[in-house]
C-alpha atoms as a PDB file:
ATOM      1  CA  UNK A   1     111.744  72.045  68.516  1.00  0.00           C
ATOM      2  CA  UNK A   2     115.312  71.609  67.314  1.00  0.00           C
ATOM      3  CA  UNK A   3     116.753  68.216  68.155  1.00  0.00           C
ATOM      4  CA  UNK A   4     120.280  66.975  67.736  1.00  0.00           C
ATOM      5  CA  UNK A   5     120.937  63.541  66.266  1.00  0.00           C
ATOM      6  CA  UNK A   6     121.463  60.843  68.859  1.00  0.00           C
ATOM      7  CA  UNK A   7     125.103  60.082  69.532  1.00  0.00           C
ATOM      8  CA  UNK A   8     125.824  56.410  69.959  1.00  0.00           C
ATOM      9  CA  UNK A   9     128.640  55.078  72.089  1.00  0.00           C
ATOM     10  CA  UNK A  10     130.011  51.589  72.427  1.00  0.00           C
ATOM     11  CA  UNK A  11     129.722  49.995  75.850  1.00  0.00           C
ATOM     12  CA  UNK A  12     130.803  46.485  76.793  1.00  0.00           C
ATOM     13  CA  UNK A  13     128.020  44.233  78.023  1.00  0.00           C
ATOM     14  CA  UNK A  14     128.588  40.854  79.647  1.00  0.00           C
ATOM     15  CA  UNK A  15     126.361  38.060  78.384  1.00  0.00           C
ATOM     16  CA  UNK A  16     126.149  34.373  79.171  1.00  0.00           C
ATOM     17  CA  UNK A  17     127.292  31.681  76.762  1.00  0.00           C
ATOM     18  CA  UNK A  18     123.665  30.755  76.066  1.00  0.00           C
ATOM     19  CA  UNK A  19     122.924  34.392  75.142  1.00  0.00           C
ATOM     20  CA  UNK A  20     125.830  34.368  72.703  1.00  0.00           C
ATOM     21  CA  UNK A  21     124.686  31.044  71.280  1.00  0.00           C
ATOM     22  CA  UNK A  22     121.133  32.325  70.791  1.00  0.00           C
ATOM     23  CA  UNK A  23     122.346  35.532  69.127  1.00  0.00           C
ATOM     24  CA  UNK A  24     124.627  33.469  66.879  1.00  0.00           C
ATOM     25  CA  UNK A  25     121.697  31.311  65.809  1.00  0.00           C
ATOM     26  CA  UNK A  26     119.579  34.416  65.267  1.00  0.00           C
ATOM     27  CA  UNK A  27     122.036  36.836  63.717  1.00  0.00           C
ATOM     28  CA  UNK A  28     119.135  38.968  62.463  1.00  0.00           C
ATOM     29  CA  UNK A  29     118.500  40.065  66.068  1.00  0.00           C
ATOM     30  CA  UNK A  30     120.068  43.435  66.827  1.00  0.00           C
ATOM     31  CA  UNK A  31     121.754  43.087  70.235  1.00  0.00           C
ATOM     32  CA  UNK A  32     122.126  46.864  70.564  1.00  0.00           C
ATOM     33  CA  UNK A  33     118.406  47.340  70.029  1.00  0.00           C
ATOM     34  CA  UNK A  34     117.653  44.723  72.707  1.00  0.00           C
ATOM     35  CA  UNK A  35     119.932  46.567  75.131  1.00  0.00           C
ATOM     36  CA  UNK A  36     118.282  49.932  74.392  1.00  0.00           C
ATOM     37  CA  UNK A  37     114.812  48.400  74.785  1.00  0.00           C
ATOM     38  CA  UNK A  38     115.787  46.929  78.167  1.00  0.00           C
ATOM     39  CA  UNK A  39     117.071  50.340  79.283  1.00  0.00           C
ATOM     40  CA  UNK A  40     113.807  51.983  78.184  1.00  0.00           C
ATOM     41  CA  UNK A  41     111.924  49.374  80.243  1.00  0.00           C
ATOM     42  CA  UNK A  42     114.091  50.265  83.268  1.00  0.00           C
ATOM     43  CA  UNK A  43     113.399  53.964  82.702  1.00  0.00           C
ATOM     44  CA  UNK A  44     109.668  53.251  82.576  1.00  0.00           C
ATOM     45  CA  UNK A  45     109.839  51.338  85.873  1.00  0.00           C
ATOM     46  CA  UNK A  46     111.435  54.411  87.449  1.00  0.00           C
ATOM     47  CA  UNK A  47     108.987  56.881  85.844  1.00  0.00           C
ATOM     48  CA  UNK A  48     111.636  58.453  83.606  1.00  0.00           C
ATOM     49  CA  UNK A  49     110.359  59.501  80.192  1.00  0.00           C
ATOM     50  CA  UNK A  50     113.192  58.944  77.662  1.00  0.00           C
ATOM     51  CA  UNK A  51     112.031  61.903  75.554  1.00  0.00           C
ATOM     52  CA  UNK A  52     112.095  64.207  78.588  1.00  0.00           C
ATOM     53  CA  UNK A  53     115.509  62.849  79.598  1.00  0.00           C
ATOM     54  CA  UNK A  54     116.813  63.475  76.069  1.00  0.00           C
ATOM     55  CA  UNK A  55     115.377  67.015  76.139  1.00  0.00           C
ATOM     56  CA  UNK A  56     116.994  67.789  79.510  1.00  0.00           C
ATOM     57  CA  UNK A  57     120.317  66.366  78.342  1.00  0.00           C
ATOM     58  CA  UNK A  58     120.211  68.451  75.160  1.00  0.00           C
ATOM     59  CA  UNK A  59     119.281  71.583  77.137  1.00  0.00           C
ATOM     60  CA  UNK A  60     122.225  71.002  79.485  1.00  0.00           C
ATOM     61  CA  UNK A  61     124.518  70.606  76.474  1.00  0.00           C
ATOM     62  CA  UNK A  62     123.134  73.838  74.976  1.00  0.00           C
ATOM     63  CA  UNK A  63     123.909  75.555  78.295  1.00  0.00           C
ATOM     64  CA  UNK A  64     127.544  74.602  77.768  1.00  0.00           C
ATOM     65  CA  UNK A  65     127.864  71.472  79.900  1.00  0.00           C
ATOM     66  CA  UNK A  66     129.887  68.619  78.456  1.00  0.00           C
ATOM     67  CA  UNK A  67     128.664  65.053  78.819  1.00  0.00           C
ATOM     68  CA  UNK A  68     131.447  64.391  81.350  1.00  0.00           C
ATOM     69  CA  UNK A  69     130.409  67.425  83.422  1.00  0.00           C
ATOM     70  CA  UNK A  70     126.796  66.255  83.397  1.00  0.00           C
ATOM     71  CA  UNK A  71     127.909  62.801  84.567  1.00  0.00           C
ATOM     72  CA  UNK A  72     130.118  64.314  87.295  1.00  0.00           C
ATOM     73  CA  UNK A  73     127.431  66.696  88.588  1.00  0.00           C
ATOM     74  CA  UNK A  74     124.400  64.391  88.444  1.00  0.00           C
ATOM     75  CA  UNK A  75     123.487  60.828  89.327  1.00  0.00           C
ATOM     76  CA  UNK A  76     119.747  60.789  88.685  1.00  0.00           C
ATOM     77  CA  UNK A  77     117.005  62.456  86.650  1.00  0.00           C
ATOM     78  CA  UNK A  78     116.109  64.960  89.400  1.00  0.00           C
ATOM     79  CA  UNK A  79     119.736  66.144  89.564  1.00  0.00           C
ATOM     80  CA  UNK A  80     119.811  66.782  85.820  1.00  0.00           C
ATOM     81  CA  UNK A  81     116.514  68.667  85.996  1.00  0.00           C
ATOM     82  CA  UNK A  82     117.849  70.836  88.844  1.00  0.00           C
ATOM     83  CA  UNK A  83     121.090  71.491  86.945  1.00  0.00           C
ATOM     84  CA  UNK A  84     119.176  72.674  83.872  1.00  0.00           C
ATOM     85  CA  UNK A  85     116.602  74.672  85.859  1.00  0.00           C
ATOM     86  CA  UNK A  86     119.284  76.415  87.950  1.00  0.00           C
ATOM     87  CA  UNK A  87     121.194  77.444  84.837  1.00  0.00           C
ATOM     88  CA  UNK A  88     118.014  78.899  83.288  1.00  0.00           C
ATOM     89  CA  UNK A  89     117.252  81.123  86.287  1.00  0.00           C
END
């Protein structure tokens, strides 16, 4: 299977002063990795497989959808799956 490299974006995240203090003390901790891990945990709680989500997203992109169009036309995993499946019919 051909996979595209992951594209990273910067997103602002609000943290408490104690979070900032802890990260300052422990500068070896990668805050971005913590954020991604927390999102993966949320996906797992909602029965969304990140690999399947990535595959659907890449398939939608290969079908010609831009990221903005995908965002505008979907608001959950099932919507993205339907978008991809409908385009493949």
